[in-house]
């Protein structure tokens, strides 16, 4: 790993910590833990670059909830809770 790569990775890590986002990524998506003042629209704007794509987060989270007890299915997109784990 070059010095420039290490600095870039450290900078990205620090930026993610400063924004309060809690993310983990895999090849087919990433999980996100809901923070204070989050809405699915805001999360969709930030990570999918279009707030109106929030139904994709609902569908993906509900799919994950079927196989992983750490996810809770979203019945009402207007009601997400701090600490809730979403799949993006």
PDB file of N, CA and C in Angstrom:
ATOM      1  N   UNK A   1       0.856  -1.169   0.000  1.00  0.00           N
ATOM      2  CA  UNK A   1       0.000   0.000   0.000  1.00  0.00           C
ATOM      3  C   UNK A   1       0.903   1.234   0.000  1.00  0.00           C
ATOM      4  N   UNK A   2       0.612   2.129  -0.911  1.00  0.00           N
ATOM      5  CA  UNK A   2       1.418   3.333  -0.987  1.00  0.00           C
ATOM      6  C   UNK A   2       0.999   4.310   0.107  1.00  0.00           C
ATOM      7  N   UNK A   3       1.845   5.274   0.353  1.00  0.00           N
ATOM      8  CA  UNK A   3       1.559   6.300   1.359  1.00  0.00           C
ATOM      9  C   UNK A   3       0.306   7.086   0.972  1.00  0.00           C
ATOM     10  N   UNK A   4       0.161   7.396  -0.315  1.00  0.00           N
ATOM     11  CA  UNK A   4      -1.012   8.144  -0.790  1.00  0.00           C
ATOM     12  C   UNK A   4      -2.291   7.343  -0.567  1.00  0.00           C
ATOM     13  N   UNK A   5      -2.262   6.059  -0.844  1.00  0.00           N
ATOM     14  CA  UNK A   5      -3.435   5.204  -0.635  1.00  0.00           C
ATOM     15  C   UNK A   5      -3.790   5.142   0.843  1.00  0.00           C
ATOM     16  N   UNK A   6      -2.790   5.000   1.684  1.00  0.00           N
ATOM     17  CA  UNK A   6      -3.032   4.942   3.126  1.00  0.00           C
ATOM     18  C   UNK A   6      -3.650   6.249   3.628  1.00  0.00           C
ATOM     19  N   UNK A   7      -3.158   7.368   3.148  1.00  0.00           N
ATOM     20  CA  UNK A   7      -3.704   8.666   3.548  1.00  0.00           C
ATOM     21  C   UNK A   7      -5.142   8.808   3.072  1.00  0.00           C
ATOM     22  N   UNK A   8      -5.413   8.380   1.849  1.00  0.00           N
ATOM     23  CA  UNK A   8      -6.768   8.440   1.310  1.00  0.00           C
ATOM     24  C   UNK A   8      -7.722   7.582   2.134  1.00  0.00           C
ATOM     25  N   UNK A   9      -7.330   6.371   2.457  1.00  0.00           N
ATOM     26  CA  UNK A   9      -8.175   5.485   3.256  1.00  0.00           C
ATOM     27  C   UNK A   9      -8.416   6.052   4.648  1.00  0.00           C
ATOM     28  N   UNK A  10      -7.394   6.601   5.260  1.00  0.00           N
ATOM     29  CA  UNK A  10      -7.545   7.214   6.578  1.00  0.00           C
ATOM     30  C   UNK A  10      -8.486   8.411   6.519  1.00  0.00           C
ATOM     31  N   UNK A  11      -8.359   9.218   5.471  1.00  0.00           N
ATOM     32  CA  UNK A  11      -9.233  10.375   5.297  1.00  0.00           C
ATOM     33  C   UNK A  11     -10.684   9.940   5.135  1.00  0.00           C
ATOM     34  N   UNK A  12     -10.924   8.925   4.320  1.00  0.00           N
ATOM     35  CA  UNK A  12     -12.286   8.418   4.124  1.00  0.00           C
ATOM     36  C   UNK A  12     -12.859   7.860   5.423  1.00  0.00           C
ATOM     37  N   UNK A  13     -12.051   7.164   6.190  1.00  0.00           N
ATOM     38  CA  UNK A  13     -12.501   6.630   7.466  1.00  0.00           C
ATOM     39  C   UNK A  13     -12.882   7.755   8.419  1.00  0.00           C
ATOM     40  N   UNK A  14     -12.045   8.763   8.507  1.00  0.00           N
ATOM     41  CA  UNK A  14     -12.330   9.891   9.389  1.00  0.00           C
ATOM     42  C   UNK A  14     -13.587  10.638   8.955  1.00  0.00           C
ATOM     43  N   UNK A  15     -13.755  10.827   7.649  1.00  0.00           N
ATOM     44  CA  UNK A  15     -14.956  11.502   7.159  1.00  0.00           C
ATOM     45  C   UNK A  15     -16.215  10.716   7.496  1.00  0.00           C
ATOM     46  N   UNK A  16     -16.169   9.401   7.354  1.00  0.00           N
ATOM     47  CA  UNK A  16     -17.349   8.601   7.669  1.00  0.00           C
ATOM     48  C   UNK A  16     -17.649   8.644   9.165  1.00  0.00           C
ATOM     49  N   UNK A  17     -16.639   8.675   9.999  1.00  0.00           N
ATOM     50  CA  UNK A  17     -16.862   8.795  11.438  1.00  0.00           C
ATOM     51  C   UNK A  17     -17.439  10.159  11.805  1.00  0.00           C
ATOM     52  N   UNK A  18     -16.991  11.208  11.131  1.00  0.00           N
ATOM     53  CA  UNK A  18     -17.461  12.555  11.425  1.00  0.00           C
ATOM     54  C   UNK A  18     -18.908  12.745  11.007  1.00  0.00           C
ATOM     55  N   UNK A  19     -19.363  12.052   9.979  1.00  0.00           N
ATOM     56  CA  UNK A  19     -20.743  12.225   9.528  1.00  0.00           C
ATOM     57  C   UNK A  19     -21.713  11.414  10.365  1.00  0.00           C
ATOM     58  N   UNK A  20     -21.222  10.544  11.210  1.00  0.00           N
ATOM     59  CA  UNK A  20     -22.085   9.738  12.051  1.00  0.00           C
ATOM     60  C   UNK A  20     -22.697   8.554  11.332  1.00  0.00           C
ATOM     61  N   UNK A  21     -22.317   8.333  10.115  1.00  0.00           N
ATOM     62  CA  UNK A  21     -22.859   7.206   9.360  1.00  0.00           C
ATOM     63  C   UNK A  21     -22.208   5.921   9.832  1.00  0.00           C
ATOM     64  N   UNK A  22     -23.026   4.910   9.916  1.00  0.00           N
ATOM     65  CA  UNK A  22     -22.505   3.602  10.257  1.00  0.00           C
ATOM     66  C   UNK A  22     -22.818   2.702   9.075  1.00  0.00           C
ATOM     67  N   UNK A  23     -21.790   2.351   8.333  1.00  0.00           N
ATOM     68  CA  UNK A  23     -21.970   1.577   7.112  1.00  0.00           C
ATOM     69  C   UNK A  23     -21.049   0.379   7.091  1.00  0.00           C
ATOM     70  N   UNK A  24     -21.483  -0.660   6.459  1.00  0.00           N
ATOM     71  CA  UNK A  24     -20.618  -1.771   6.103  1.00  0.00           C
ATOM     72  C   UNK A  24     -21.013  -2.161   4.693  1.00  0.00           C
ATOM     73  N   UNK A  25     -20.029  -2.448   3.880  1.00  0.00           N
ATOM     74  CA  UNK A  25     -20.311  -2.671   2.468  1.00  0.00           C
ATOM     75  C   UNK A  25     -19.941  -4.083   2.052  1.00  0.00           C
ATOM     76  N   UNK A  26     -20.705  -4.610   1.114  1.00  0.00           N
ATOM     77  CA  UNK A  26     -20.376  -5.880   0.480  1.00  0.00           C
ATOM     78  C   UNK A  26     -20.554  -5.692  -1.019  1.00  0.00           C
ATOM     79  N   UNK A  27     -20.378  -6.763  -1.775  1.00  0.00           N
ATOM     80  CA  UNK A  27     -20.461  -6.668  -3.232  1.00  0.00           C
ATOM     81  C   UNK A  27     -21.847  -6.267  -3.732  1.00  0.00           C
ATOM     82  N   UNK A  28     -22.882  -6.653  -3.002  1.00  0.00           N
ATOM     83  CA  UNK A  28     -24.232  -6.404  -3.497  1.00  0.00           C
ATOM     84  C   UNK A  28     -24.989  -5.341  -2.709  1.00  0.00           C
ATOM     85  N   UNK A  29     -24.333  -4.597  -1.862  1.00  0.00           N
ATOM     86  CA  UNK A  29     -24.987  -3.539  -1.103  1.00  0.00           C
ATOM     87  C   UNK A  29     -24.225  -3.229   0.167  1.00  0.00           C
ATOM     88  N   UNK A  30     -24.901  -2.481   1.030  1.00  0.00           N
ATOM     89  CA  UNK A  30     -24.289  -2.104   2.294  1.00  0.00           C
ATOM     90  C   UNK A  30     -25.382  -1.928   3.322  1.00  0.00           C
ATOM     91  N   UNK A  31     -25.007  -2.114   4.613  1.00  0.00           N
ATOM     92  CA  UNK A  31     -26.023  -1.818   5.603  1.00  0.00           C
ATOM     93  C   UNK A  31     -25.771  -0.444   6.170  1.00  0.00           C
ATOM     94  N   UNK A  32     -26.829   0.142   6.672  1.00  0.00           N
ATOM     95  CA  UNK A  32     -26.790   1.470   7.267  1.00  0.00           C
ATOM     96  C   UNK A  32     -27.620   1.422   8.537  1.00  0.00           C
ATOM     97  N   UNK A  33     -27.122   2.031   9.598  1.00  0.00           N
ATOM     98  CA  UNK A  33     -27.859   2.109  10.847  1.00  0.00           C
ATOM     99  C   UNK A  33     -28.470   3.500  10.954  1.00  0.00           C
ATOM    100  N   UNK A  34     -29.782   3.544  11.125  1.00  0.00           N
ATOM    101  CA  UNK A  34     -30.529   4.805  11.158  1.00  0.00           C
ATOM    102  C   UNK A  34     -30.046   5.678  12.312  1.00  0.00           C
ATOM    103  N   UNK A  35     -29.814   6.947  12.002  1.00  0.00           N
ATOM    104  CA  UNK A  35     -29.365   7.954  12.958  1.00  0.00           C
ATOM    105  C   UNK A  35     -30.515   8.929  13.240  1.00  0.00           C
ATOM    106  N   UNK A  36     -30.343   9.772  14.238  1.00  0.00           N
ATOM    107  CA  UNK A  36     -31.342  10.789  14.565  1.00  0.00           C
ATOM    108  C   UNK A  36     -31.608  11.658  13.340  1.00  0.00           C
ATOM    109  N   UNK A  37     -32.843  12.017  13.125  1.00  0.00           N
ATOM    110  CA  UNK A  37     -33.306  12.881  12.024  1.00  0.00           C
ATOM    111  C   UNK A  37     -33.220  12.249  10.639  1.00  0.00           C
ATOM    112  N   UNK A  38     -32.954  10.963  10.562  1.00  0.00           N
ATOM    113  CA  UNK A  38     -32.947  10.279   9.263  1.00  0.00           C
ATOM    114  C   UNK A  38     -34.374  10.023   8.793  1.00  0.00           C
ATOM    115  N   UNK A  39     -34.549  10.051   7.489  1.00  0.00           N
ATOM    116  CA  UNK A  39     -35.760   9.557   6.839  1.00  0.00           C
ATOM    117  C   UNK A  39     -35.283   8.679   5.693  1.00  0.00           C
ATOM    118  N   UNK A  40     -36.137   7.807   5.225  1.00  0.00           N
ATOM    119  CA  UNK A  40     -35.745   6.986   4.079  1.00  0.00           C
ATOM    120  C   UNK A  40     -35.464   7.851   2.859  1.00  0.00           C
ATOM    121  N   UNK A  41     -36.204   8.943   2.707  1.00  0.00           N
ATOM    122  CA  UNK A  41     -35.983   9.848   1.583  1.00  0.00           C
ATOM    123  C   UNK A  41     -34.577  10.440   1.653  1.00  0.00           C
ATOM    124  N   UNK A  42     -34.180  10.940   2.845  1.00  0.00           N
ATOM    125  CA  UNK A  42     -32.841  11.530   3.010  1.00  0.00           C
ATOM    126  C   UNK A  42     -31.739  10.494   2.772  1.00  0.00           C
ATOM    127  N   UNK A  43     -31.935   9.295   3.309  1.00  0.00           N
ATOM    128  CA  UNK A  43     -30.939   8.239   3.139  1.00  0.00           C
ATOM    129  C   UNK A  43     -30.816   7.876   1.665  1.00  0.00           C
ATOM    130  N   UNK A  44     -31.956   7.792   0.995  1.00  0.00           N
ATOM    131  CA  UNK A  44     -31.959   7.483  -0.438  1.00  0.00           C
ATOM    132  C   UNK A  44     -31.279   8.583  -1.243  1.00  0.00           C
ATOM    133  N   UNK A  45     -31.508   9.837  -0.866  1.00  0.00           N
ATOM    134  CA  UNK A  45     -30.821  10.944  -1.547  1.00  0.00           C
ATOM    135  C   UNK A  45     -29.314  10.821  -1.405  1.00  0.00           C
ATOM    136  N   UNK A  46     -28.882  10.509  -0.192  1.00  0.00           N
ATOM    137  CA  UNK A  46     -27.445  10.452   0.091  1.00  0.00           C
ATOM    138  C   UNK A  46     -26.749   9.269  -0.583  1.00  0.00           C
ATOM    139  N   UNK A  47     -27.361   8.091  -0.521  1.00  0.00           N
ATOM    140  CA  UNK A  47     -26.680   6.892  -0.994  1.00  0.00           C
ATOM    141  C   UNK A  47     -27.103   6.424  -2.383  1.00  0.00           C
ATOM    142  N   UNK A  48     -28.318   6.759  -2.799  1.00  0.00           N
ATOM    143  CA  UNK A  48     -28.781   6.365  -4.131  1.00  0.00           C
ATOM    144  C   UNK A  48     -28.905   7.567  -5.065  1.00  0.00           C
ATOM    145  N   UNK A  49     -28.613   8.760  -4.532  1.00  0.00           N
ATOM    146  CA  UNK A  49     -28.608  10.015  -5.280  1.00  0.00           C
ATOM    147  C   UNK A  49     -29.981  10.411  -5.807  1.00  0.00           C
ATOM    148  N   UNK A  50     -31.026   9.838  -5.226  1.00  0.00           N
ATOM    149  CA  UNK A  50     -32.396  10.166  -5.620  1.00  0.00           C
ATOM    150  C   UNK A  50     -33.317   9.756  -4.473  1.00  0.00           C
ATOM    151  N   UNK A  51     -33.901  10.739  -3.805  1.00  0.00           N
ATOM    152  CA  UNK A  51     -34.759  10.465  -2.667  1.00  0.00           C
ATOM    153  C   UNK A  51     -35.950   9.588  -2.987  1.00  0.00           C
ATOM    154  N   UNK A  52     -36.443   9.679  -4.210  1.00  0.00           N
ATOM    155  CA  UNK A  52     -37.615   8.919  -4.612  1.00  0.00           C
ATOM    156  C   UNK A  52     -37.329   7.435  -4.802  1.00  0.00           C
ATOM    157  N   UNK A  53     -36.071   7.042  -4.663  1.00  0.00           N
ATOM    158  CA  UNK A  53     -35.715   5.620  -4.769  1.00  0.00           C
ATOM    159  C   UNK A  53     -35.809   4.897  -3.422  1.00  0.00           C
ATOM    160  N   UNK A  54     -36.369   5.583  -2.398  1.00  0.00           N
ATOM    161  CA  UNK A  54     -36.455   4.956  -1.073  1.00  0.00           C
ATOM    162  C   UNK A  54     -37.190   3.609  -1.078  1.00  0.00           C
ATOM    163  N   UNK A  55     -38.169   3.359  -1.988  1.00  0.00           N
ATOM    164  CA  UNK A  55     -38.792   2.027  -1.979  1.00  0.00           C
ATOM    165  C   UNK A  55     -37.785   0.894  -2.230  1.00  0.00           C
ATOM    166  N   UNK A  56     -36.685   1.202  -2.905  1.00  0.00           N
ATOM    167  CA  UNK A  56     -35.652   0.185  -3.122  1.00  0.00           C
ATOM    168  C   UNK A  56     -35.005  -0.212  -1.799  1.00  0.00           C
ATOM    169  N   UNK A  57     -34.814   0.765  -0.911  1.00  0.00           N
ATOM    170  CA  UNK A  57     -34.248   0.479   0.408  1.00  0.00           C
ATOM    171  C   UNK A  57     -35.235  -0.353   1.213  1.00  0.00           C
ATOM    172  N   UNK A  58     -36.518  -0.004   1.130  1.00  0.00           N
ATOM    173  CA  UNK A  58     -37.555  -0.765   1.838  1.00  0.00           C
ATOM    174  C   UNK A  58     -37.546  -2.213   1.349  1.00  0.00           C
ATOM    175  N   UNK A  59     -37.581  -2.421   0.045  1.00  0.00           N
ATOM    176  CA  UNK A  59     -37.604  -3.773  -0.513  1.00  0.00           C
ATOM    177  C   UNK A  59     -36.349  -4.562  -0.141  1.00  0.00           C
ATOM    178  N   UNK A  60     -35.190  -3.930  -0.246  1.00  0.00           N
ATOM    179  CA  UNK A  60     -33.934  -4.621   0.062  1.00  0.00           C
ATOM    180  C   UNK A  60     -33.847  -4.962   1.550  1.00  0.00           C
ATOM    181  N   UNK A  61     -34.273  -4.038   2.397  1.00  0.00           N
ATOM    182  CA  UNK A  61     -34.252  -4.286   3.842  1.00  0.00           C
ATOM    183  C   UNK A  61     -35.217  -5.411   4.199  1.00  0.00           C
ATOM    184  N   UNK A  62     -36.404  -5.393   3.616  1.00  0.00           N
ATOM    185  CA  UNK A  62     -37.380  -6.451   3.895  1.00  0.00           C
ATOM    186  C   UNK A  62     -36.879  -7.810   3.414  1.00  0.00           C
ATOM    187  N   UNK A  63     -36.189  -7.830   2.298  1.00  0.00           N
ATOM    188  CA  UNK A  63     -35.607  -9.073   1.798  1.00  0.00           C
ATOM    189  C   UNK A  63     -34.538  -9.596   2.761  1.00  0.00           C
ATOM    190  N   UNK A  64     -33.701  -8.693   3.255  1.00  0.00           N
ATOM    191  CA  UNK A  64     -32.663  -9.092   4.207  1.00  0.00           C
ATOM    192  C   UNK A  64     -33.296  -9.580   5.511  1.00  0.00           C
ATOM    193  N   UNK A  65     -34.387  -8.925   5.943  1.00  0.00           N
ATOM    194  CA  UNK A  65     -35.050  -9.291   7.197  1.00  0.00           C
ATOM    195  C   UNK A  65     -35.587 -10.721   7.156  1.00  0.00           C
ATOM    196  N   UNK A  66     -35.905 -11.205   5.976  1.00  0.00           N
ATOM    197  CA  UNK A  66     -36.418 -12.570   5.841  1.00  0.00           C
ATOM    198  C   UNK A  66     -35.368 -13.613   6.212  1.00  0.00           C
ATOM    199  N   UNK A  67     -34.084 -13.268   6.043  1.00  0.00           N
ATOM    200  CA  UNK A  67     -33.001 -14.220   6.295  1.00  0.00           C
ATOM    201  C   UNK A  67     -32.083 -13.847   7.447  1.00  0.00           C
ATOM    202  N   UNK A  68     -32.160 -12.610   7.940  1.00  0.00           N
ATOM    203  CA  UNK A  68     -31.210 -12.115   8.928  1.00  0.00           C
ATOM    204  C   UNK A  68     -31.981 -11.383  10.030  1.00  0.00           C
ATOM    205  N   UNK A  69     -31.959 -11.937  11.228  1.00  0.00           N
ATOM    206  CA  UNK A  69     -32.722 -11.375  12.348  1.00  0.00           C
ATOM    207  C   UNK A  69     -32.214 -10.013  12.813  1.00  0.00           C
ATOM    208  N   UNK A  70     -31.045  -9.586  12.338  1.00  0.00           N
ATOM    209  CA  UNK A  70     -30.552  -8.259  12.728  1.00  0.00           C
ATOM    210  C   UNK A  70     -31.246  -7.143  11.949  1.00  0.00           C
ATOM    211  N   UNK A  71     -32.010  -7.513  10.918  1.00  0.00           N
ATOM    212  CA  UNK A  71     -32.812  -6.562  10.153  1.00  0.00           C
ATOM    213  C   UNK A  71     -34.273  -6.721  10.567  1.00  0.00           C
ATOM    214  N   UNK A  72     -35.008  -5.602  10.569  1.00  0.00           N
ATOM    215  CA  UNK A  72     -36.438  -5.620  10.860  1.00  0.00           C
ATOM    216  C   UNK A  72     -37.158  -5.167   9.603  1.00  0.00           C
ATOM    217  N   UNK A  73     -38.180  -5.912   9.202  1.00  0.00           N
ATOM    218  CA  UNK A  73     -38.947  -5.545   8.017  1.00  0.00           C
ATOM    219  C   UNK A  73     -39.603  -4.174   8.220  1.00  0.00           C
ATOM    220  N   UNK A  74     -39.661  -3.411   7.141  1.00  0.00           N
ATOM    221  CA  UNK A  74     -40.272  -2.082   7.174  1.00  0.00           C
ATOM    222  C   UNK A  74     -41.706  -2.215   6.668  1.00  0.00           C
ATOM    223  N   UNK A  75     -42.661  -2.043   7.582  1.00  0.00           N
ATOM    224  CA  UNK A  75     -44.077  -2.094   7.202  1.00  0.00           C
ATOM    225  C   UNK A  75     -44.568  -0.727   6.748  1.00  0.00           C
ATOM    226  N   UNK A  76     -44.051   0.326   7.376  1.00  0.00           N
ATOM    227  CA  UNK A  76     -44.460   1.695   7.063  1.00  0.00           C
ATOM    228  C   UNK A  76     -43.201   2.525   6.814  1.00  0.00           C
ATOM    229  N   UNK A  77     -42.932   2.934   5.586  1.00  0.00           N
ATOM    230  CA  UNK A  77     -41.713   3.696   5.277  1.00  0.00           C
ATOM    231  C   UNK A  77     -41.604   5.029   6.021  1.00  0.00           C
ATOM    232  N   UNK A  78     -42.709   5.508   6.575  1.00  0.00           N
ATOM    233  CA  UNK A  78     -42.671   6.753   7.344  1.00  0.00           C
ATOM    234  C   UNK A  78     -42.211   6.530   8.776  1.00  0.00           C
ATOM    235  N   UNK A  79     -42.071   5.287   9.181  1.00  0.00           N
ATOM    236  CA  UNK A  79     -41.707   4.978  10.565  1.00  0.00           C
ATOM    237  C   UNK A  79     -40.447   4.126  10.625  1.00  0.00           C
ATOM    238  N   UNK A  80     -39.298   4.776  10.646  1.00  0.00           N
ATOM    239  CA  UNK A  80     -38.046   4.077  10.888  1.00  0.00           C
ATOM    240  C   UNK A  80     -37.524   4.593  12.219  1.00  0.00           C
ATOM    241  N   UNK A  81     -36.731   3.774  12.885  1.00  0.00           N
ATOM    242  CA  UNK A  81     -36.278   4.111  14.236  1.00  0.00           C
ATOM    243  C   UNK A  81     -34.759   4.201  14.303  1.00  0.00           C
ATOM    244  N   UNK A  82     -34.284   5.091  15.195  1.00  0.00           N
ATOM    245  CA  UNK A  82     -32.854   5.198  15.439  1.00  0.00           C
ATOM    246  C   UNK A  82     -32.329   3.814  15.829  1.00  0.00           C
ATOM    247  N   UNK A  83     -31.227   3.426  15.210  1.00  0.00           N
ATOM    248  CA  UNK A  83     -30.623   2.130  15.481  1.00  0.00           C
ATOM    249  C   UNK A  83     -31.101   1.018  14.575  1.00  0.00           C
ATOM    250  N   UNK A  84     -32.144   1.282  13.805  1.00  0.00           N
ATOM    251  CA  UNK A  84     -32.660   0.270  12.881  1.00  0.00           C
ATOM    252  C   UNK A  84     -31.646   0.054  11.754  1.00  0.00           C
ATOM    253  N   UNK A  85     -31.461  -1.194  11.378  1.00  0.00           N
ATOM    254  CA  UNK A  85     -30.501  -1.571  10.354  1.00  0.00           C
ATOM    255  C   UNK A  85     -31.207  -1.667   9.006  1.00  0.00           C
ATOM    256  N   UNK A  86     -30.706  -0.932   8.028  1.00  0.00           N
ATOM    257  CA  UNK A  86     -31.263  -0.924   6.678  1.00  0.00           C
ATOM    258  C   UNK A  86     -30.261  -1.525   5.703  1.00  0.00           C
ATOM    259  N   UNK A  87     -30.763  -2.034   4.588  1.00  0.00           N
ATOM    260  CA  UNK A  87     -29.891  -2.522   3.509  1.00  0.00           C
ATOM    261  C   UNK A  87     -30.056  -1.604   2.306  1.00  0.00           C
ATOM    262  N   UNK A  88     -28.946  -1.074   1.832  1.00  0.00           N
ATOM    263  CA  UNK A  88     -28.949  -0.146   0.702  1.00  0.00           C
ATOM    264  C   UNK A  88     -28.207  -0.800  -0.458  1.00  0.00           C
TER     265      UNK A  88
END
